[in-house]
């Protein structure tokens, strides 16, 4: 997914609480939104970060539902989770 703003690298700092800000250019290019989950993977070269939201919960869906419908259901579930997280974090 390219927005024409492809960036190779950028630095951020880890806060006292261990939090890290994902640079906006990366969030935009990779389609990361508030409430999305990311997966941290240790590799020989360092750390790889991947978007995890969208795959979570898919295994719980029944197998006899068409792939398109499963994708639609997964997106609806992810949107609902994001909505609830925003409500809980910002009442």
PDB file of N, CA and C in Angstrom:
ATOM      1  N   UNK A   1       0.847  -1.167   0.000  1.00  0.00           N
ATOM      2  CA  UNK A   1       0.000   0.000   0.000  1.00  0.00           C
ATOM      3  C   UNK A   1       0.892   1.229   0.000  1.00  0.00           C
ATOM      4  N   UNK A   2       0.830   2.040  -1.001  1.00  0.00           N
ATOM      5  CA  UNK A   2       1.713   3.186  -1.095  1.00  0.00           C
ATOM      6  C   UNK A   2       0.904   4.456  -1.258  1.00  0.00           C
ATOM      7  N   UNK A   3       1.308   5.487  -0.545  1.00  0.00           N
ATOM      8  CA  UNK A   3       0.643   6.777  -0.634  1.00  0.00           C
ATOM      9  C   UNK A   3       1.494   7.789  -1.379  1.00  0.00           C
ATOM     10  N   UNK A   4       2.662   7.349  -1.881  1.00  0.00           N
ATOM     11  CA  UNK A   4       3.566   8.273  -2.516  1.00  0.00           C
ATOM     12  C   UNK A   4       4.512   8.907  -1.501  1.00  0.00           C
ATOM     13  N   UNK A   5       4.273   8.656  -0.213  1.00  0.00           N
ATOM     14  CA  UNK A   5       5.107   9.195   0.853  1.00  0.00           C
ATOM     15  C   UNK A   5       5.960   8.097   1.461  1.00  0.00           C
ATOM     16  N   UNK A   6       6.405   7.146   0.660  1.00  0.00           N
ATOM     17  CA  UNK A   6       7.175   6.024   1.186  1.00  0.00           C
ATOM     18  C   UNK A   6       8.352   6.532   1.991  1.00  0.00           C
ATOM     19  N   UNK A   7       8.480   6.024   3.208  1.00  0.00           N
ATOM     20  CA  UNK A   7       9.596   6.402   4.060  1.00  0.00           C
ATOM     21  C   UNK A   7      10.346   5.140   4.434  1.00  0.00           C
ATOM     22  N   UNK A   8      11.624   5.258   4.530  1.00  0.00           N
ATOM     23  CA  UNK A   8      12.467   4.116   4.855  1.00  0.00           C
ATOM     24  C   UNK A   8      12.585   3.928   6.358  1.00  0.00           C
ATOM     25  N   UNK A   9      12.824   5.030   7.090  1.00  0.00           N
ATOM     26  CA  UNK A   9      12.990   4.922   8.536  1.00  0.00           C
ATOM     27  C   UNK A   9      12.668   6.250   9.195  1.00  0.00           C
ATOM     28  N   UNK A  10      12.404   6.186  10.478  1.00  0.00           N
ATOM     29  CA  UNK A  10      12.149   7.361  11.290  1.00  0.00           C
ATOM     30  C   UNK A  10      12.387   6.936  12.731  1.00  0.00           C
ATOM     31  N   UNK A  11      12.792   7.845  13.567  1.00  0.00           N
ATOM     32  CA  UNK A  11      13.048   7.495  14.961  1.00  0.00           C
ATOM     33  C   UNK A  11      11.997   8.090  15.876  1.00  0.00           C
ATOM     34  N   UNK A  12      11.704   7.374  16.945  1.00  0.00           N
ATOM     35  CA  UNK A  12      10.842   7.860  18.024  1.00  0.00           C
ATOM     36  C   UNK A  12      11.476   7.386  19.331  1.00  0.00           C
ATOM     37  N   UNK A  13      10.970   7.870  20.445  1.00  0.00           N
ATOM     38  CA  UNK A  13      11.500   7.479  21.753  1.00  0.00           C
ATOM     39  C   UNK A  13      10.499   6.606  22.493  1.00  0.00           C
ATOM     40  N   UNK A  14      11.018   5.769  23.369  1.00  0.00           N
ATOM     41  CA  UNK A  14      10.184   4.957  24.248  1.00  0.00           C
ATOM     42  C   UNK A  14       9.939   5.779  25.509  1.00  0.00           C
ATOM     43  N   UNK A  15       8.672   5.894  25.934  1.00  0.00           N
ATOM     44  CA  UNK A  15       8.355   6.660  27.134  1.00  0.00           C
ATOM     45  C   UNK A  15       8.684   5.856  28.391  1.00  0.00           C
ATOM     46  N   UNK A  16       8.611   6.512  29.517  1.00  0.00           N
ATOM     47  CA  UNK A  16       8.849   5.866  30.803  1.00  0.00           C
ATOM     48  C   UNK A  16       7.919   4.664  30.999  1.00  0.00           C
ATOM     49  N   UNK A  17       6.732   4.725  30.429  1.00  0.00           N
ATOM     50  CA  UNK A  17       5.758   3.639  30.546  1.00  0.00           C
ATOM     51  C   UNK A  17       5.943   2.573  29.474  1.00  0.00           C
ATOM     52  N   UNK A  18       6.971   2.721  28.640  1.00  0.00           N
ATOM     53  CA  UNK A  18       7.223   1.736  27.584  1.00  0.00           C
ATOM     54  C   UNK A  18       6.393   1.951  26.342  1.00  0.00           C
ATOM     55  N   UNK A  19       5.766   3.102  26.212  1.00  0.00           N
ATOM     56  CA  UNK A  19       4.938   3.381  25.046  1.00  0.00           C
ATOM     57  C   UNK A  19       5.780   3.953  23.913  1.00  0.00           C
ATOM     58  N   UNK A  20       5.354   3.662  22.687  1.00  0.00           N
ATOM     59  CA  UNK A  20       6.056   4.132  21.496  1.00  0.00           C
ATOM     60  C   UNK A  20       5.025   4.741  20.555  1.00  0.00           C
ATOM     61  N   UNK A  21       5.359   5.878  19.966  1.00  0.00           N
ATOM     62  CA  UNK A  21       4.498   6.494  18.972  1.00  0.00           C
ATOM     63  C   UNK A  21       4.916   5.997  17.597  1.00  0.00           C
ATOM     64  N   UNK A  22       3.947   5.520  16.831  1.00  0.00           N
ATOM     65  CA  UNK A  22       4.216   5.109  15.456  1.00  0.00           C
ATOM     66  C   UNK A  22       4.103   6.374  14.605  1.00  0.00           C
ATOM     67  N   UNK A  23       5.154   6.720  13.871  1.00  0.00           N
ATOM     68  CA  UNK A  23       5.114   7.946  13.072  1.00  0.00           C
ATOM     69  C   UNK A  23       3.901   7.985  12.138  1.00  0.00           C
ATOM     70  N   UNK A  24       3.317   9.181  12.007  1.00  0.00           N
ATOM     71  CA  UNK A  24       2.104   9.352  11.209  1.00  0.00           C
ATOM     72  C   UNK A  24       2.276   8.857   9.775  1.00  0.00           C
ATOM     73  N   UNK A  25       3.436   9.110   9.177  1.00  0.00           N
ATOM     74  CA  UNK A  25       3.659   8.660   7.794  1.00  0.00           C
ATOM     75  C   UNK A  25       3.514   7.145   7.685  1.00  0.00           C
ATOM     76  N   UNK A  26       4.025   6.402   8.675  1.00  0.00           N
ATOM     77  CA  UNK A  26       3.883   4.944   8.677  1.00  0.00           C
ATOM     78  C   UNK A  26       2.421   4.553   8.912  1.00  0.00           C
ATOM     79  N   UNK A  27       1.751   5.208   9.873  1.00  0.00           N
ATOM     80  CA  UNK A  27       0.338   4.884  10.145  1.00  0.00           C
ATOM     81  C   UNK A  27      -0.504   5.090   8.903  1.00  0.00           C
ATOM     82  N   UNK A  28      -0.277   6.215   8.222  1.00  0.00           N
ATOM     83  CA  UNK A  28      -1.041   6.509   7.007  1.00  0.00           C
ATOM     84  C   UNK A  28      -0.754   5.486   5.911  1.00  0.00           C
ATOM     85  N   UNK A  29       0.513   5.214   5.671  1.00  0.00           N
ATOM     86  CA  UNK A  29       0.898   4.303   4.585  1.00  0.00           C
ATOM     87  C   UNK A  29       0.403   2.881   4.831  1.00  0.00           C
ATOM     88  N   UNK A  30       0.402   2.456   6.099  1.00  0.00           N
ATOM     89  CA  UNK A  30       0.031   1.079   6.425  1.00  0.00           C
ATOM     90  C   UNK A  30      -1.425   0.933   6.852  1.00  0.00           C
ATOM     91  N   UNK A  31      -2.169   2.024   6.874  1.00  0.00           N
ATOM     92  CA  UNK A  31      -3.584   1.956   7.222  1.00  0.00           C
ATOM     93  C   UNK A  31      -3.828   1.619   8.678  1.00  0.00           C
ATOM     94  N   UNK A  32      -2.984   2.097   9.575  1.00  0.00           N
ATOM     95  CA  UNK A  32      -3.149   1.845  11.002  1.00  0.00           C
ATOM     96  C   UNK A  32      -4.043   2.917  11.608  1.00  0.00           C
ATOM     97  N   UNK A  33      -5.055   2.487  12.361  1.00  0.00           N
ATOM     98  CA  UNK A  33      -5.996   3.398  12.997  1.00  0.00           C
ATOM     99  C   UNK A  33      -6.002   3.185  14.498  1.00  0.00           C
ATOM    100  N   UNK A  34      -6.529   4.159  15.218  1.00  0.00           N
ATOM    101  CA  UNK A  34      -6.673   4.037  16.664  1.00  0.00           C
ATOM    102  C   UNK A  34      -7.445   2.758  16.990  1.00  0.00           C
ATOM    103  N   UNK A  35      -6.944   2.005  17.942  1.00  0.00           N
ATOM    104  CA  UNK A  35      -7.598   0.766  18.332  1.00  0.00           C
ATOM    105  C   UNK A  35      -7.072  -0.460  17.607  1.00  0.00           C
ATOM    106  N   UNK A  36      -6.351  -0.271  16.502  1.00  0.00           N
ATOM    107  CA  UNK A  36      -5.760  -1.412  15.808  1.00  0.00           C
ATOM    108  C   UNK A  36      -4.703  -2.051  16.695  1.00  0.00           C
ATOM    109  N   UNK A  37      -4.556  -3.335  16.552  1.00  0.00           N
ATOM    110  CA  UNK A  37      -3.514  -4.046  17.283  1.00  0.00           C
ATOM    111  C   UNK A  37      -2.339  -4.270  16.356  1.00  0.00           C
ATOM    112  N   UNK A  38      -1.133  -4.184  16.945  1.00  0.00           N
ATOM    113  CA  UNK A  38       0.058  -4.504  16.175  1.00  0.00           C
ATOM    114  C   UNK A  38       0.792  -5.631  16.874  1.00  0.00           C
ATOM    115  N   UNK A  39       1.496  -6.421  16.095  1.00  0.00           N
ATOM    116  CA  UNK A  39       2.251  -7.563  16.610  1.00  0.00           C
ATOM    117  C   UNK A  39       3.736  -7.228  16.536  1.00  0.00           C
ATOM    118  N   UNK A  40       4.450  -7.465  17.636  1.00  0.00           N
ATOM    119  CA  UNK A  40       5.893  -7.256  17.711  1.00  0.00           C
ATOM    120  C   UNK A  40       6.544  -8.612  17.567  1.00  0.00           C
ATOM    121  N   UNK A  41       7.443  -8.756  16.588  1.00  0.00           N
ATOM    122  CA  UNK A  41       8.119 -10.029  16.351  1.00  0.00           C
ATOM    123  C   UNK A  41       9.621  -9.841  16.439  1.00  0.00           C
ATOM    124  N   UNK A  42      10.266 -10.685  17.232  1.00  0.00           N
ATOM    125  CA  UNK A  42      11.718 -10.659  17.340  1.00  0.00           C
ATOM    126  C   UNK A  42      12.296 -11.411  16.150  1.00  0.00           C
ATOM    127  N   UNK A  43      13.276 -10.798  15.465  1.00  0.00           N
ATOM    128  CA  UNK A  43      13.929 -11.444  14.325  1.00  0.00           C
ATOM    129  C   UNK A  43      15.437 -11.408  14.553  1.00  0.00           C
ATOM    130  N   UNK A  44      16.173 -12.084  13.697  1.00  0.00           N
ATOM    131  CA  UNK A  44      17.636 -12.050  13.792  1.00  0.00           C
ATOM    132  C   UNK A  44      18.170 -10.635  13.603  1.00  0.00           C
ATOM    133  N   UNK A  45      17.477  -9.834  12.813  1.00  0.00           N
ATOM    134  CA  UNK A  45      17.931  -8.478  12.508  1.00  0.00           C
ATOM    135  C   UNK A  45      17.405  -7.424  13.468  1.00  0.00           C
ATOM    136  N   UNK A  46      16.481  -7.780  14.352  1.00  0.00           N
ATOM    137  CA  UNK A  46      15.911  -6.804  15.269  1.00  0.00           C
ATOM    138  C   UNK A  46      14.453  -7.103  15.555  1.00  0.00           C
ATOM    139  N   UNK A  47      13.619  -6.093  15.385  1.00  0.00           N
ATOM    140  CA  UNK A  47      12.192  -6.221  15.679  1.00  0.00           C
ATOM    141  C   UNK A  47      11.397  -5.913  14.419  1.00  0.00           C
ATOM    142  N   UNK A  48      10.387  -6.735  14.147  1.00  0.00           N
ATOM    143  CA  UNK A  48       9.460  -6.506  13.041  1.00  0.00           C
ATOM    144  C   UNK A  48       8.108  -6.198  13.671  1.00  0.00           C
ATOM    145  N   UNK A  49       7.424  -5.202  13.134  1.00  0.00           N
ATOM    146  CA  UNK A  49       6.099  -4.826  13.630  1.00  0.00           C
ATOM    147  C   UNK A  49       5.107  -5.054  12.505  1.00  0.00           C
ATOM    148  N   UNK A  50       4.010  -5.752  12.819  1.00  0.00           N
ATOM    149  CA  UNK A  50       2.969  -6.030  11.823  1.00  0.00           C
ATOM    150  C   UNK A  50       1.611  -5.653  12.383  1.00  0.00           C
ATOM    151  N   UNK A  51       0.715  -5.276  11.498  1.00  0.00           N
ATOM    152  CA  UNK A  51      -0.663  -5.015  11.883  1.00  0.00           C
ATOM    153  C   UNK A  51      -1.324  -6.349  12.211  1.00  0.00           C
ATOM    154  N   UNK A  52      -1.921  -6.464  13.390  1.00  0.00           N
ATOM    155  CA  UNK A  52      -2.559  -7.709  13.797  1.00  0.00           C
ATOM    156  C   UNK A  52      -4.074  -7.617  13.678  1.00  0.00           C
ATOM    157  N   UNK A  53      -4.644  -6.426  13.786  1.00  0.00           N
ATOM    158  CA  UNK A  53      -6.084  -6.259  13.698  1.00  0.00           C
ATOM    159  C   UNK A  53      -6.570  -6.745  12.341  1.00  0.00           C
ATOM    160  N   UNK A  54      -7.677  -7.419  12.352  1.00  0.00           N
ATOM    161  CA  UNK A  54      -8.225  -7.967  11.110  1.00  0.00           C
ATOM    162  C   UNK A  54      -8.109  -9.465  11.107  1.00  0.00           C
ATOM    163  N   UNK A  55      -7.037  -9.989  11.672  1.00  0.00           N
ATOM    164  CA  UNK A  55      -6.891 -11.438  11.739  1.00  0.00           C
ATOM    165  C   UNK A  55      -7.430 -11.966  13.062  1.00  0.00           C
ATOM    166  N   UNK A  56      -7.451 -11.130  14.094  1.00  0.00           N
ATOM    167  CA  UNK A  56      -7.938 -11.565  15.400  1.00  0.00           C
ATOM    168  C   UNK A  56      -9.412 -11.928  15.298  1.00  0.00           C
ATOM    169  N   UNK A  57      -9.784 -13.069  15.817  1.00  0.00           N
ATOM    170  CA  UNK A  57     -11.174 -13.483  15.847  1.00  0.00           C
ATOM    171  C   UNK A  57     -11.635 -14.227  14.613  1.00  0.00           C
ATOM    172  N   UNK A  58     -10.888 -14.207  13.539  1.00  0.00           N
ATOM    173  CA  UNK A  58     -11.347 -14.870  12.318  1.00  0.00           C
ATOM    174  C   UNK A  58     -11.504 -16.369  12.508  1.00  0.00           C
ATOM    175  N   UNK A  59     -10.666 -16.974  13.321  1.00  0.00           N
ATOM    176  CA  UNK A  59     -10.750 -18.410  13.534  1.00  0.00           C
ATOM    177  C   UNK A  59     -12.017 -18.831  14.251  1.00  0.00           C
ATOM    178  N   UNK A  60     -12.690 -17.879  14.889  1.00  0.00           N
ATOM    179  CA  UNK A  60     -13.916 -18.199  15.616  1.00  0.00           C
ATOM    180  C   UNK A  60     -15.126 -18.218  14.695  1.00  0.00           C
ATOM    181  N   UNK A  61     -14.989 -17.702  13.486  1.00  0.00           N
ATOM    182  CA  UNK A  61     -16.124 -17.648  12.574  1.00  0.00           C
ATOM    183  C   UNK A  61     -16.376 -19.020  11.965  1.00  0.00           C
ATOM    184  N   UNK A  62     -17.636 -19.302  11.713  1.00  0.00           N
ATOM    185  CA  UNK A  62     -17.987 -20.612  11.174  1.00  0.00           C
ATOM    186  C   UNK A  62     -17.422 -20.797   9.776  1.00  0.00           C
ATOM    187  N   UNK A  63     -17.052 -22.032   9.449  1.00  0.00           N
ATOM    188  CA  UNK A  63     -16.389 -22.313   8.180  1.00  0.00           C
ATOM    189  C   UNK A  63     -17.330 -22.299   6.982  1.00  0.00           C
ATOM    190  N   UNK A  64     -18.640 -22.466   7.200  1.00  0.00           N
ATOM    191  CA  UNK A  64     -19.541 -22.546   6.061  1.00  0.00           C
ATOM    192  C   UNK A  64     -19.992 -21.173   5.561  1.00  0.00           C
ATOM    193  N   UNK A  65     -19.386 -20.098   6.074  1.00  0.00           N
ATOM    194  CA  UNK A  65     -19.693 -18.747   5.609  1.00  0.00           C
ATOM    195  C   UNK A  65     -18.693 -18.392   4.510  1.00  0.00           C
ATOM    196  N   UNK A  66     -19.185 -17.777   3.441  1.00  0.00           N
ATOM    197  CA  UNK A  66     -18.323 -17.407   2.312  1.00  0.00           C
ATOM    198  C   UNK A  66     -17.189 -16.503   2.775  1.00  0.00           C
ATOM    199  N   UNK A  67     -16.044 -16.594   2.106  1.00  0.00           N
ATOM    200  CA  UNK A  67     -14.857 -15.813   2.478  1.00  0.00           C
ATOM    201  C   UNK A  67     -15.156 -14.316   2.498  1.00  0.00           C
ATOM    202  N   UNK A  68     -15.929 -13.829   1.531  1.00  0.00           N
ATOM    203  CA  UNK A  68     -16.263 -12.402   1.489  1.00  0.00           C
ATOM    204  C   UNK A  68     -17.071 -12.000   2.714  1.00  0.00           C
ATOM    205  N   UNK A  69     -18.008 -12.852   3.109  1.00  0.00           N
ATOM    206  CA  UNK A  69     -18.840 -12.559   4.279  1.00  0.00           C
ATOM    207  C   UNK A  69     -18.004 -12.607   5.549  1.00  0.00           C
ATOM    208  N   UNK A  70     -17.054 -13.562   5.645  1.00  0.00           N
ATOM    209  CA  UNK A  70     -16.174 -13.631   6.822  1.00  0.00           C
ATOM    210  C   UNK A  70     -15.353 -12.354   6.939  1.00  0.00           C
ATOM    211  N   UNK A  71     -14.838 -11.880   5.803  1.00  0.00           N
ATOM    212  CA  UNK A  71     -14.050 -10.646   5.800  1.00  0.00           C
ATOM    213  C   UNK A  71     -14.909  -9.474   6.254  1.00  0.00           C
ATOM    214  N   UNK A  72     -16.126  -9.404   5.752  1.00  0.00           N
ATOM    215  CA  UNK A  72     -17.047  -8.333   6.137  1.00  0.00           C
ATOM    216  C   UNK A  72     -17.343  -8.399   7.641  1.00  0.00           C
ATOM    217  N   UNK A  73     -17.607  -9.614   8.137  1.00  0.00           N
ATOM    218  CA  UNK A  73     -17.892  -9.794   9.569  1.00  0.00           C
ATOM    219  C   UNK A  73     -16.684  -9.404  10.416  1.00  0.00           C
ATOM    220  N   UNK A  74     -15.482  -9.776   9.968  1.00  0.00           N
ATOM    221  CA  UNK A  74     -14.261  -9.450  10.707  1.00  0.00           C
ATOM    222  C   UNK A  74     -14.057  -7.938  10.754  1.00  0.00           C
ATOM    223  N   UNK A  75     -14.318  -7.251   9.646  1.00  0.00           N
ATOM    224  CA  UNK A  75     -14.176  -5.792   9.611  1.00  0.00           C
ATOM    225  C   UNK A  75     -15.194  -5.134  10.538  1.00  0.00           C
ATOM    226  N   UNK A  76     -16.421  -5.655  10.563  1.00  0.00           N
ATOM    227  CA  UNK A  76     -17.441  -5.109  11.457  1.00  0.00           C
ATOM    228  C   UNK A  76     -17.044  -5.309  12.922  1.00  0.00           C
ATOM    229  N   UNK A  77     -16.492  -6.492  13.229  1.00  0.00           N
ATOM    230  CA  UNK A  77     -16.035  -6.764  14.593  1.00  0.00           C
ATOM    231  C   UNK A  77     -14.899  -5.812  14.974  1.00  0.00           C
ATOM    232  N   UNK A  78     -13.952  -5.608  14.074  1.00  0.00           N
ATOM    233  CA  UNK A  78     -12.822  -4.720  14.350  1.00  0.00           C
ATOM    234  C   UNK A  78     -13.307  -3.286  14.565  1.00  0.00           C
ATOM    235  N   UNK A  79     -14.265  -2.836  13.755  1.00  0.00           N
ATOM    236  CA  UNK A  79     -14.808  -1.484  13.904  1.00  0.00           C
ATOM    237  C   UNK A  79     -15.520  -1.331  15.244  1.00  0.00           C
ATOM    238  N   UNK A  80     -16.254  -2.348  15.642  1.00  0.00           N
ATOM    239  CA  UNK A  80     -16.958  -2.308  16.927  1.00  0.00           C
ATOM    240  C   UNK A  80     -15.970  -2.274  18.089  1.00  0.00           C
ATOM    241  N   UNK A  81     -14.903  -3.040  17.988  1.00  0.00           N
ATOM    242  CA  UNK A  81     -13.878  -3.037  19.038  1.00  0.00           C
ATOM    243  C   UNK A  81     -13.237  -1.660  19.138  1.00  0.00           C
ATOM    244  N   UNK A  82     -12.886  -1.060  17.973  1.00  0.00           N
ATOM    245  CA  UNK A  82     -12.294   0.277  17.993  1.00  0.00           C
ATOM    246  C   UNK A  82     -13.245   1.278  18.622  1.00  0.00           C
ATOM    247  N   UNK A  83     -14.533   1.188  18.284  1.00  0.00           N
ATOM    248  CA  UNK A  83     -15.540   2.101  18.822  1.00  0.00           C
ATOM    249  C   UNK A  83     -15.628   1.957  20.335  1.00  0.00           C
ATOM    250  N   UNK A  84     -15.667   0.724  20.838  1.00  0.00           N
ATOM    251  CA  UNK A  84     -15.748   0.499  22.283  1.00  0.00           C
ATOM    252  C   UNK A  84     -14.501   0.989  22.995  1.00  0.00           C
ATOM    253  N   UNK A  85     -13.330   0.768  22.395  1.00  0.00           N
ATOM    254  CA  UNK A  85     -12.085   1.239  23.011  1.00  0.00           C
ATOM    255  C   UNK A  85     -12.074   2.761  23.107  1.00  0.00           C
ATOM    256  N   UNK A  86     -12.515   3.442  22.054  1.00  0.00           N
ATOM    257  CA  UNK A  86     -12.553   4.909  22.097  1.00  0.00           C
ATOM    258  C   UNK A  86     -13.505   5.389  23.183  1.00  0.00           C
ATOM    259  N   UNK A  87     -14.640   4.715  23.332  1.00  0.00           N
ATOM    260  CA  UNK A  87     -15.623   5.094  24.344  1.00  0.00           C
ATOM    261  C   UNK A  87     -15.054   4.863  25.745  1.00  0.00           C
ATOM    262  N   UNK A  88     -14.380   3.746  25.949  1.00  0.00           N
ATOM    263  CA  UNK A  88     -13.808   3.432  27.255  1.00  0.00           C
ATOM    264  C   UNK A  88     -12.668   4.377  27.583  1.00  0.00           C
ATOM    265  N   UNK A  89     -11.863   4.738  26.586  1.00  0.00           N
ATOM    266  CA  UNK A  89     -10.706   5.609  26.826  1.00  0.00           C
ATOM    267  C   UNK A  89     -11.096   7.076  26.926  1.00  0.00           C
ATOM    268  N   UNK A  90     -12.174   7.474  26.245  1.00  0.00           N
ATOM    269  CA  UNK A  90     -12.595   8.872  26.204  1.00  0.00           C
ATOM    270  C   UNK A  90     -14.091   8.974  26.486  1.00  0.00           C
ATOM    271  N   UNK A  91     -14.512   8.714  27.740  1.00  0.00           N
ATOM    272  CA  UNK A  91     -15.959   8.734  28.044  1.00  0.00           C
ATOM    273  C   UNK A  91     -16.594  10.088  27.826  1.00  0.00           C
TER     274      UNK A  91
END
